[in-house]
Amino acid sequence: MSRPSAAPHALPAPTGSFALWGDVARPVTLTVADLRHGWEQHRTEVVYDCAKDGPQHHTFVGALLREVVDRTRPGFDPARRKERSRFLLAVNGGDGHHAVLSWAEIDADFGNAPVLLATRVDDEELDSAGTQLVVPSDRCGARYVSAVTGIWIGSCRLPGAPLSAS
């Protein structure tokens, strides 16, 4: 299994881009244009209910998070479901907002959630604003992270817990 690489805050990603790093074989820095041209674009219409603003209706277009992260080659054996199910993704936004997802939420063998890294919202391109994490199944928008600056991928091991053999 690969070892985590240096965190992107040690070497910040250029404005408008974001880094994927952690327990991956190929850390990478991407832009909205990279997402638009390197992955199939998916469209989703969402309604999330904000506590202060009421229901918000938006249309997002972007790449599936799992497909983007797959390209970094996370440090698990894809054939071992239990190993995959303990991986996490921590997403950081330019405004300091953070969200955490489990690999199982986005994995086709588990939750299969169509979580996006948006390249466009409501027909507005996000090149200058940066990509946005979109979790269409969420009723509220708390895990929608704007201006994504980094995505850390890694396993969740309890302190002192042995590595699983399954």
N, C-alpha and C. Protein backbone atom coordinates (compact mmCIF):
# COMPACT_ATOMS: atom_id res chain seq x y z
N MET A 1 0.84 -1.17 0.00
CA MET A 1 0.00 0.00 0.00
C MET A 1 0.89 1.24 0.00
N SER A 2 0.51 2.24 -0.74
CA SER A 2 1.30 3.46 -0.80
C SER A 2 1.17 4.25 0.49
N ARG A 3 2.09 5.13 0.71
CA ARG A 3 2.09 6.01 1.89
C ARG A 3 1.59 7.38 1.48
N PRO A 4 0.94 8.10 2.40
CA PRO A 4 0.43 9.43 2.07
C PRO A 4 1.55 10.35 1.61
N SER A 5 1.23 11.17 0.64
CA SER A 5 2.17 12.18 0.15
C SER A 5 2.02 13.45 0.97
N ALA A 6 2.85 14.42 0.70
CA ALA A 6 2.78 15.69 1.41
C ALA A 6 1.43 16.35 1.22
N ALA A 7 0.92 16.96 2.26
CA ALA A 7 -0.36 17.65 2.19
C ALA A 7 -0.25 18.85 1.26
N PRO A 8 -1.33 19.17 0.50
CA PRO A 8 -1.24 20.28 -0.44
C PRO A 8 -1.10 21.62 0.24
N HIS A 9 -1.46 21.73 1.54
CA HIS A 9 -1.29 23.05 2.16
C HIS A 9 0.18 23.37 2.35
N ALA A 10 1.07 22.35 2.25
CA ALA A 10 2.50 22.61 2.31
C ALA A 10 2.93 23.32 1.02
N LEU A 11 2.34 22.92 -0.08
CA LEU A 11 2.58 23.54 -1.39
C LEU A 11 1.20 23.82 -1.98
N PRO A 12 0.62 24.99 -1.76
CA PRO A 12 -0.75 25.24 -2.18
C PRO A 12 -0.96 25.07 -3.68
N ALA A 13 -2.14 24.56 -4.00
CA ALA A 13 -2.52 24.43 -5.41
C ALA A 13 -2.78 25.82 -5.96
N PRO A 14 -2.48 26.04 -7.24
CA PRO A 14 -2.74 27.35 -7.85
C PRO A 14 -4.22 27.72 -7.75
N THR A 15 -4.53 28.99 -7.75
CA THR A 15 -5.90 29.48 -7.68
C THR A 15 -6.74 28.82 -8.76
N GLY A 16 -7.94 28.39 -8.38
CA GLY A 16 -8.84 27.74 -9.33
C GLY A 16 -8.57 26.27 -9.52
N SER A 17 -7.61 25.73 -8.81
CA SER A 17 -7.31 24.31 -8.92
C SER A 17 -7.44 23.65 -7.55
N PHE A 18 -7.38 22.34 -7.52
CA PHE A 18 -7.46 21.60 -6.27
C PHE A 18 -6.57 20.38 -6.36
N ALA A 19 -6.10 19.95 -5.21
CA ALA A 19 -5.19 18.80 -5.14
C ALA A 19 -5.93 17.60 -4.59
N LEU A 20 -5.59 16.43 -5.10
CA LEU A 20 -6.04 15.16 -4.54
C LEU A 20 -4.80 14.47 -4.03
N TRP A 21 -4.80 14.11 -2.75
CA TRP A 21 -3.61 13.53 -2.15
C TRP A 21 -4.02 12.63 -1.00
N GLY A 22 -3.04 12.01 -0.40
CA GLY A 22 -3.28 11.14 0.75
C GLY A 22 -2.71 9.78 0.48
N ASP A 23 -3.47 8.75 0.80
CA ASP A 23 -3.04 7.38 0.58
C ASP A 23 -3.39 6.99 -0.86
N VAL A 24 -2.65 7.59 -1.79
CA VAL A 24 -2.88 7.38 -3.22
C VAL A 24 -1.54 7.15 -3.92
N ALA A 25 -1.58 6.43 -5.03
CA ALA A 25 -0.37 6.19 -5.80
C ALA A 25 0.00 7.39 -6.66
N ARG A 26 -1.01 8.15 -7.10
CA ARG A 26 -0.76 9.27 -8.00
C ARG A 26 -1.46 10.54 -7.54
N PRO A 27 -0.85 11.28 -6.60
CA PRO A 27 -1.45 12.57 -6.24
C PRO A 27 -1.49 13.46 -7.47
N VAL A 28 -2.47 14.33 -7.54
CA VAL A 28 -2.63 15.16 -8.73
C VAL A 28 -3.27 16.49 -8.35
N THR A 29 -2.98 17.51 -9.14
CA THR A 29 -3.65 18.80 -9.03
C THR A 29 -4.44 19.01 -10.33
N LEU A 30 -5.72 19.37 -10.18
CA LEU A 30 -6.62 19.51 -11.32
C LEU A 30 -7.30 20.87 -11.31
N THR A 31 -7.80 21.27 -12.47
CA THR A 31 -8.59 22.48 -12.63
C THR A 31 -10.00 22.09 -13.08
N VAL A 32 -10.89 23.05 -13.10
CA VAL A 32 -12.23 22.81 -13.62
C VAL A 32 -12.15 22.36 -15.08
N ALA A 33 -11.29 22.99 -15.86
CA ALA A 33 -11.13 22.60 -17.27
C ALA A 33 -10.66 21.15 -17.38
N ASP A 34 -9.74 20.72 -16.49
CA ASP A 34 -9.31 19.32 -16.49
C ASP A 34 -10.50 18.39 -16.27
N LEU A 35 -11.37 18.74 -15.30
CA LEU A 35 -12.55 17.92 -15.02
C LEU A 35 -13.47 17.87 -16.22
N ARG A 36 -13.66 19.01 -16.86
CA ARG A 36 -14.58 19.10 -17.99
C ARG A 36 -14.10 18.26 -19.18
N HIS A 37 -12.79 18.24 -19.41
CA HIS A 37 -12.27 17.57 -20.60
C HIS A 37 -11.75 16.16 -20.34
N GLY A 38 -11.53 15.81 -19.06
CA GLY A 38 -10.96 14.50 -18.76
C GLY A 38 -11.94 13.44 -18.31
N TRP A 39 -13.18 13.85 -18.02
CA TRP A 39 -14.17 12.92 -17.51
C TRP A 39 -15.52 13.19 -18.13
N GLU A 40 -16.35 12.15 -18.21
CA GLU A 40 -17.72 12.31 -18.67
C GLU A 40 -18.44 13.29 -17.74
N GLN A 41 -19.24 14.17 -18.31
CA GLN A 41 -19.98 15.16 -17.54
C GLN A 41 -21.40 14.63 -17.26
N HIS A 42 -21.80 14.71 -16.01
CA HIS A 42 -23.12 14.26 -15.57
C HIS A 42 -23.92 15.48 -15.13
N ARG A 43 -25.22 15.44 -15.39
CA ARG A 43 -26.10 16.56 -15.04
C ARG A 43 -27.06 16.09 -13.94
N THR A 44 -27.26 16.93 -12.94
CA THR A 44 -28.21 16.62 -11.89
C THR A 44 -28.94 17.88 -11.45
N GLU A 45 -30.24 17.75 -11.25
CA GLU A 45 -31.04 18.85 -10.73
C GLU A 45 -31.30 18.54 -9.26
N VAL A 46 -31.02 19.50 -8.40
CA VAL A 46 -31.17 19.28 -6.96
C VAL A 46 -32.00 20.38 -6.31
N VAL A 47 -32.61 20.01 -5.21
CA VAL A 47 -33.29 20.96 -4.35
C VAL A 47 -32.77 20.65 -2.96
N TYR A 48 -32.15 21.64 -2.34
CA TYR A 48 -31.77 21.46 -0.94
C TYR A 48 -32.39 22.57 -0.13
N ASP A 49 -32.74 22.20 1.09
CA ASP A 49 -33.48 23.10 1.96
C ASP A 49 -32.54 23.76 2.95
N CYS A 50 -32.26 25.03 2.72
CA CYS A 50 -31.37 25.79 3.60
C CYS A 50 -32.16 26.34 4.77
N ALA A 51 -31.58 26.26 5.97
CA ALA A 51 -32.27 26.74 7.16
C ALA A 51 -32.58 28.23 7.07
N LYS A 52 -31.66 29.02 6.52
CA LYS A 52 -31.89 30.46 6.49
C LYS A 52 -32.49 30.97 5.19
N ASP A 53 -32.32 30.25 4.07
CA ASP A 53 -32.80 30.75 2.78
C ASP A 53 -33.96 29.96 2.17
N GLY A 54 -34.36 28.86 2.80
CA GLY A 54 -35.42 28.04 2.25
C GLY A 54 -34.92 27.18 1.10
N PRO A 55 -35.83 26.51 0.40
CA PRO A 55 -35.43 25.59 -0.68
C PRO A 55 -34.66 26.30 -1.79
N GLN A 56 -33.57 25.67 -2.22
CA GLN A 56 -32.74 26.19 -3.31
C GLN A 56 -32.78 25.17 -4.46
N HIS A 57 -33.07 25.63 -5.66
CA HIS A 57 -33.13 24.78 -6.84
C HIS A 57 -31.92 25.10 -7.71
N HIS A 58 -31.15 24.07 -8.05
CA HIS A 58 -29.96 24.29 -8.88
C HIS A 58 -29.76 23.10 -9.82
N THR A 59 -29.11 23.38 -10.93
CA THR A 59 -28.69 22.35 -11.87
C THR A 59 -27.17 22.37 -11.92
N PHE A 60 -26.58 21.21 -11.67
CA PHE A 60 -25.12 21.07 -11.67
C PHE A 60 -24.70 20.11 -12.78
N VAL A 61 -23.54 20.38 -13.35
CA VAL A 61 -22.92 19.49 -14.33
C VAL A 61 -21.48 19.28 -13.86
N GLY A 62 -21.02 18.03 -13.93
CA GLY A 62 -19.65 17.77 -13.53
C GLY A 62 -19.28 16.31 -13.61
N ALA A 63 -18.07 16.03 -13.16
CA ALA A 63 -17.53 14.66 -13.17
C ALA A 63 -17.90 13.96 -11.88
N LEU A 64 -18.10 12.65 -11.95
CA LEU A 64 -18.36 11.88 -10.74
C LEU A 64 -17.12 11.84 -9.88
N LEU A 65 -17.27 12.14 -8.60
CA LEU A 65 -16.16 12.14 -7.67
C LEU A 65 -15.41 10.81 -7.68
N ARG A 66 -16.14 9.69 -7.68
CA ARG A 66 -15.47 8.38 -7.63
C ARG A 66 -14.59 8.14 -8.86
N GLU A 67 -15.00 8.63 -10.01
CA GLU A 67 -14.20 8.44 -11.22
C GLU A 67 -12.93 9.29 -11.17
N VAL A 68 -13.03 10.49 -10.63
CA VAL A 68 -11.86 11.36 -10.51
C VAL A 68 -10.89 10.75 -9.50
N VAL A 69 -11.40 10.36 -8.34
CA VAL A 69 -10.54 9.80 -7.30
C VAL A 69 -9.94 8.47 -7.74
N ASP A 70 -10.67 7.67 -8.48
CA ASP A 70 -10.14 6.38 -8.98
C ASP A 70 -8.83 6.57 -9.73
N ARG A 71 -8.73 7.68 -10.45
CA ARG A 71 -7.53 7.92 -11.26
C ARG A 71 -6.28 8.16 -10.42
N THR A 72 -6.47 8.51 -9.15
CA THR A 72 -5.32 8.70 -8.26
C THR A 72 -4.80 7.36 -7.72
N ARG A 73 -5.54 6.31 -7.95
CA ARG A 73 -5.24 4.95 -7.46
C ARG A 73 -5.13 4.93 -5.94
N PRO A 74 -6.28 5.05 -5.26
CA PRO A 74 -6.28 4.98 -3.80
C PRO A 74 -5.59 3.71 -3.30
N GLY A 75 -5.02 3.80 -2.11
CA GLY A 75 -4.20 2.73 -1.55
C GLY A 75 -4.97 1.57 -0.98
N PHE A 76 -5.92 1.05 -1.73
CA PHE A 76 -6.62 -0.16 -1.32
C PHE A 76 -6.70 -1.09 -2.50
N ASP A 77 -6.90 -2.37 -2.21
CA ASP A 77 -7.09 -3.37 -3.25
C ASP A 77 -8.56 -3.28 -3.68
N PRO A 78 -8.85 -2.89 -4.92
CA PRO A 78 -10.23 -2.71 -5.36
C PRO A 78 -11.08 -3.97 -5.22
N ALA A 79 -10.45 -5.14 -5.20
CA ALA A 79 -11.20 -6.39 -5.09
C ALA A 79 -11.63 -6.68 -3.65
N ARG A 80 -11.10 -5.95 -2.70
CA ARG A 80 -11.40 -6.21 -1.28
C ARG A 80 -12.39 -5.17 -0.77
N ARG A 81 -13.66 -5.57 -0.72
CA ARG A 81 -14.74 -4.63 -0.35
C ARG A 81 -14.55 -4.05 1.05
N LYS A 82 -14.20 -4.88 2.01
CA LYS A 82 -14.06 -4.37 3.38
C LYS A 82 -12.92 -3.37 3.47
N GLU A 83 -11.88 -3.56 2.70
CA GLU A 83 -10.77 -2.61 2.70
C GLU A 83 -11.23 -1.26 2.13
N ARG A 84 -11.98 -1.33 1.03
CA ARG A 84 -12.50 -0.09 0.42
C ARG A 84 -13.43 0.64 1.36
N SER A 85 -14.22 -0.10 2.13
CA SER A 85 -15.26 0.52 2.94
C SER A 85 -14.72 1.32 4.13
N ARG A 86 -13.43 1.25 4.42
CA ARG A 86 -12.89 2.04 5.53
C ARG A 86 -12.16 3.30 5.05
N PHE A 87 -12.22 3.59 3.75
CA PHE A 87 -11.57 4.79 3.23
C PHE A 87 -12.51 5.99 3.31
N LEU A 88 -11.91 7.15 3.56
CA LEU A 88 -12.64 8.41 3.68
C LEU A 88 -12.12 9.41 2.67
N LEU A 89 -12.94 10.41 2.37
CA LEU A 89 -12.55 11.54 1.53
C LEU A 89 -12.90 12.80 2.31
N ALA A 90 -11.90 13.62 2.58
CA ALA A 90 -12.10 14.90 3.26
C ALA A 90 -11.91 16.00 2.24
N VAL A 91 -12.94 16.80 2.05
CA VAL A 91 -12.95 17.84 1.02
C VAL A 91 -12.85 19.20 1.69
N ASN A 92 -11.89 20.02 1.23
CA ASN A 92 -11.67 21.36 1.76
C ASN A 92 -12.09 22.39 0.72
N GLY A 93 -12.72 23.48 1.20
CA GLY A 93 -13.14 24.55 0.32
C GLY A 93 -12.34 25.82 0.57
N GLY A 94 -12.34 26.68 -0.40
CA GLY A 94 -11.60 27.93 -0.32
C GLY A 94 -12.06 28.86 0.78
N ASP A 95 -13.30 28.69 1.25
CA ASP A 95 -13.82 29.53 2.34
C ASP A 95 -13.61 28.89 3.71
N GLY A 96 -12.87 27.78 3.77
CA GLY A 96 -12.62 27.10 5.03
C GLY A 96 -13.64 26.03 5.35
N HIS A 97 -14.65 25.85 4.53
CA HIS A 97 -15.67 24.83 4.74
C HIS A 97 -15.09 23.46 4.42
N HIS A 98 -15.46 22.45 5.20
CA HIS A 98 -14.97 21.09 5.00
C HIS A 98 -16.15 20.12 5.03
N ALA A 99 -15.99 18.99 4.35
CA ALA A 99 -16.98 17.91 4.41
C ALA A 99 -16.23 16.59 4.29
N VAL A 100 -16.80 15.57 4.90
CA VAL A 100 -16.21 14.23 4.86
C VAL A 100 -17.24 13.27 4.29
N LEU A 101 -16.77 12.42 3.38
CA LEU A 101 -17.60 11.36 2.81
C LEU A 101 -16.87 10.05 3.00
N SER A 102 -17.62 8.97 3.03
CA SER A 102 -16.98 7.65 3.06
C SER A 102 -16.88 7.14 1.62
N TRP A 103 -15.86 6.32 1.38
CA TRP A 103 -15.73 5.72 0.05
C TRP A 103 -16.97 4.90 -0.26
N ALA A 104 -17.52 4.22 0.76
CA ALA A 104 -18.69 3.37 0.54
C ALA A 104 -19.89 4.17 0.01
N GLU A 105 -20.00 5.44 0.36
CA GLU A 105 -21.11 6.25 -0.15
C GLU A 105 -21.07 6.35 -1.67
N ILE A 106 -19.87 6.46 -2.24
CA ILE A 106 -19.75 6.71 -3.68
C ILE A 106 -19.42 5.45 -4.48
N ASP A 107 -19.03 4.38 -3.81
CA ASP A 107 -18.63 3.14 -4.47
C ASP A 107 -19.86 2.46 -5.08
N ALA A 108 -19.74 1.99 -6.31
CA ALA A 108 -20.86 1.34 -7.01
C ALA A 108 -21.34 0.08 -6.30
N ASP A 109 -20.48 -0.59 -5.53
CA ASP A 109 -20.88 -1.80 -4.79
C ASP A 109 -21.60 -1.48 -3.48
N PHE A 110 -21.61 -0.23 -3.07
CA PHE A 110 -22.22 0.15 -1.80
C PHE A 110 -23.32 1.19 -2.07
N GLY A 111 -23.12 2.44 -1.70
CA GLY A 111 -24.15 3.48 -1.84
C GLY A 111 -24.37 3.98 -3.25
N ASN A 112 -23.31 3.93 -4.07
CA ASN A 112 -23.40 4.36 -5.47
C ASN A 112 -23.97 5.78 -5.64
N ALA A 113 -23.68 6.66 -4.68
CA ALA A 113 -24.18 8.04 -4.76
C ALA A 113 -23.47 8.79 -5.88
N PRO A 114 -24.23 9.48 -6.72
CA PRO A 114 -23.64 10.23 -7.84
C PRO A 114 -23.08 11.59 -7.41
N VAL A 115 -22.13 11.57 -6.50
CA VAL A 115 -21.53 12.81 -6.00
C VAL A 115 -20.68 13.41 -7.11
N LEU A 116 -20.84 14.72 -7.33
CA LEU A 116 -20.15 15.40 -8.44
C LEU A 116 -19.08 16.36 -7.95
N LEU A 117 -18.11 16.55 -8.81
CA LEU A 117 -17.23 17.72 -8.74
C LEU A 117 -17.70 18.59 -9.89
N ALA A 118 -18.49 19.59 -9.57
CA ALA A 118 -19.19 20.38 -10.58
C ALA A 118 -18.24 21.27 -11.38
N THR A 119 -18.51 21.35 -12.67
CA THR A 119 -17.81 22.26 -13.57
C THR A 119 -18.72 23.43 -13.98
N ARG A 120 -20.03 23.25 -13.67
CA ARG A 120 -21.01 24.27 -14.04
C ARG A 120 -22.18 24.21 -13.06
N VAL A 121 -22.71 25.35 -12.68
CA VAL A 121 -23.92 25.44 -11.87
C VAL A 121 -24.86 26.42 -12.54
N ASP A 122 -26.11 25.98 -12.75
CA ASP A 122 -27.12 26.84 -13.38
C ASP A 122 -26.59 27.51 -14.64
N ASP A 123 -25.94 26.76 -15.48
CA ASP A 123 -25.39 27.23 -16.76
C ASP A 123 -24.25 28.22 -16.62
N GLU A 124 -23.69 28.38 -15.43
CA GLU A 124 -22.52 29.23 -15.23
C GLU A 124 -21.28 28.35 -15.05
N GLU A 125 -20.28 28.58 -15.90
CA GLU A 125 -19.04 27.83 -15.81
C GLU A 125 -18.31 28.20 -14.52
N LEU A 126 -17.67 27.24 -13.88
CA LEU A 126 -17.01 27.46 -12.60
C LEU A 126 -15.50 27.59 -12.70
N ASP A 127 -14.97 27.84 -13.90
CA ASP A 127 -13.52 27.92 -14.08
C ASP A 127 -12.86 28.90 -13.12
N SER A 128 -13.41 30.11 -13.00
CA SER A 128 -12.78 31.10 -12.13
C SER A 128 -13.14 30.91 -10.66
N ALA A 129 -14.31 30.34 -10.37
CA ALA A 129 -14.75 30.14 -8.99
C ALA A 129 -14.17 28.87 -8.38
N GLY A 130 -13.83 27.89 -9.22
CA GLY A 130 -13.36 26.60 -8.72
C GLY A 130 -14.49 25.60 -8.66
N THR A 131 -14.12 24.33 -8.65
CA THR A 131 -15.12 23.27 -8.64
C THR A 131 -15.90 23.25 -7.35
N GLN A 132 -17.09 22.66 -7.41
CA GLN A 132 -17.94 22.55 -6.22
C GLN A 132 -18.31 21.09 -6.01
N LEU A 133 -18.18 20.63 -4.76
CA LEU A 133 -18.65 19.29 -4.39
C LEU A 133 -20.16 19.35 -4.30
N VAL A 134 -20.83 18.38 -4.94
CA VAL A 134 -22.29 18.33 -4.97
C VAL A 134 -22.72 16.94 -4.53
N VAL A 135 -23.52 16.88 -3.46
CA VAL A 135 -24.03 15.62 -2.92
C VAL A 135 -25.54 15.62 -3.14
N PRO A 136 -26.01 15.18 -4.31
CA PRO A 136 -27.42 15.32 -4.68
C PRO A 136 -28.41 14.69 -3.70
N SER A 137 -28.01 13.67 -2.98
CA SER A 137 -28.93 12.99 -2.07
C SER A 137 -29.14 13.73 -0.75
N ASP A 138 -28.31 14.72 -0.46
CA ASP A 138 -28.45 15.47 0.79
C ASP A 138 -29.65 16.42 0.73
N ARG A 139 -30.47 16.41 1.78
CA ARG A 139 -31.62 17.30 1.85
C ARG A 139 -31.19 18.75 2.07
N CYS A 140 -30.13 18.93 2.85
CA CYS A 140 -29.60 20.28 3.05
C CYS A 140 -28.26 20.38 2.32
N GLY A 141 -27.79 21.58 2.13
CA GLY A 141 -26.58 21.79 1.35
C GLY A 141 -25.30 21.85 2.16
N ALA A 142 -25.28 21.33 3.37
CA ALA A 142 -24.12 21.47 4.23
C ALA A 142 -22.86 20.81 3.68
N ARG A 143 -23.02 19.72 2.91
CA ARG A 143 -21.83 19.08 2.34
C ARG A 143 -21.53 19.57 0.93
N TYR A 144 -22.21 20.60 0.47
CA TYR A 144 -21.86 21.23 -0.79
C TYR A 144 -20.69 22.16 -0.48
N VAL A 145 -19.52 21.85 -1.02
CA VAL A 145 -18.32 22.63 -0.73
C VAL A 145 -17.95 23.41 -1.98
N SER A 146 -17.94 24.74 -1.87
CA SER A 146 -17.59 25.61 -2.99
C SER A 146 -16.09 25.84 -3.04
N ALA A 147 -15.60 26.12 -4.24
CA ALA A 147 -14.18 26.44 -4.45
C ALA A 147 -13.28 25.40 -3.79
N VAL A 148 -13.50 24.13 -4.17
CA VAL A 148 -12.72 23.03 -3.59
C VAL A 148 -11.23 23.30 -3.80
N THR A 149 -10.46 23.19 -2.72
CA THR A 149 -9.00 23.40 -2.78
C THR A 149 -8.24 22.10 -2.62
N GLY A 150 -8.87 21.09 -2.02
CA GLY A 150 -8.18 19.83 -1.83
C GLY A 150 -9.10 18.72 -1.41
N ILE A 151 -8.71 17.51 -1.80
CA ILE A 151 -9.43 16.31 -1.39
C ILE A 151 -8.39 15.32 -0.88
N TRP A 152 -8.48 15.00 0.41
CA TRP A 152 -7.60 14.02 1.02
C TRP A 152 -8.31 12.68 1.00
N ILE A 153 -7.59 11.64 0.59
CA ILE A 153 -8.13 10.29 0.51
C ILE A 153 -7.31 9.42 1.45
N GLY A 154 -7.95 8.72 2.36
CA GLY A 154 -7.19 7.86 3.28
C GLY A 154 -8.08 6.92 4.05
N SER A 155 -7.43 5.98 4.73
CA SER A 155 -8.18 4.98 5.48
C SER A 155 -8.46 5.47 6.89
N CYS A 156 -9.52 4.95 7.45
CA CYS A 156 -9.89 5.24 8.83
C CYS A 156 -9.56 4.02 9.67
N ARG A 157 -8.55 4.15 10.48
CA ARG A 157 -8.18 3.06 11.39
C ARG A 157 -8.29 3.57 12.81
N LEU A 158 -8.97 2.83 13.64
CA LEU A 158 -9.04 3.21 15.04
C LEU A 158 -7.67 3.03 15.67
N PRO A 159 -7.29 3.88 16.56
CA PRO A 159 -5.98 3.73 17.23
C PRO A 159 -5.85 2.35 17.87
N GLY A 160 -4.77 1.67 17.53
CA GLY A 160 -4.52 0.35 18.10
C GLY A 160 -5.20 -0.79 17.40
N ALA A 161 -6.08 -0.50 16.41
CA ALA A 161 -6.82 -1.57 15.72
C ALA A 161 -5.88 -2.26 14.72
N PRO A 162 -5.92 -3.61 14.67
CA PRO A 162 -5.08 -4.32 13.70
C PRO A 162 -5.62 -4.11 12.28
N LEU A 163 -4.75 -4.28 11.30
CA LEU A 163 -5.19 -4.24 9.91
C LEU A 163 -6.07 -5.44 9.64
N SER A 164 -7.15 -5.23 8.91
CA SER A 164 -8.08 -6.31 8.59
C SER A 164 -7.48 -7.21 7.52
N ALA A 165 -7.67 -8.51 7.65
CA ALA A 165 -7.18 -9.46 6.67
C ALA A 165 -8.26 -9.78 5.64
N SER A 166 -9.46 -9.24 5.81
CA SER A 166 -10.53 -9.58 4.86
C SER A 166 -10.67 -8.57 3.77
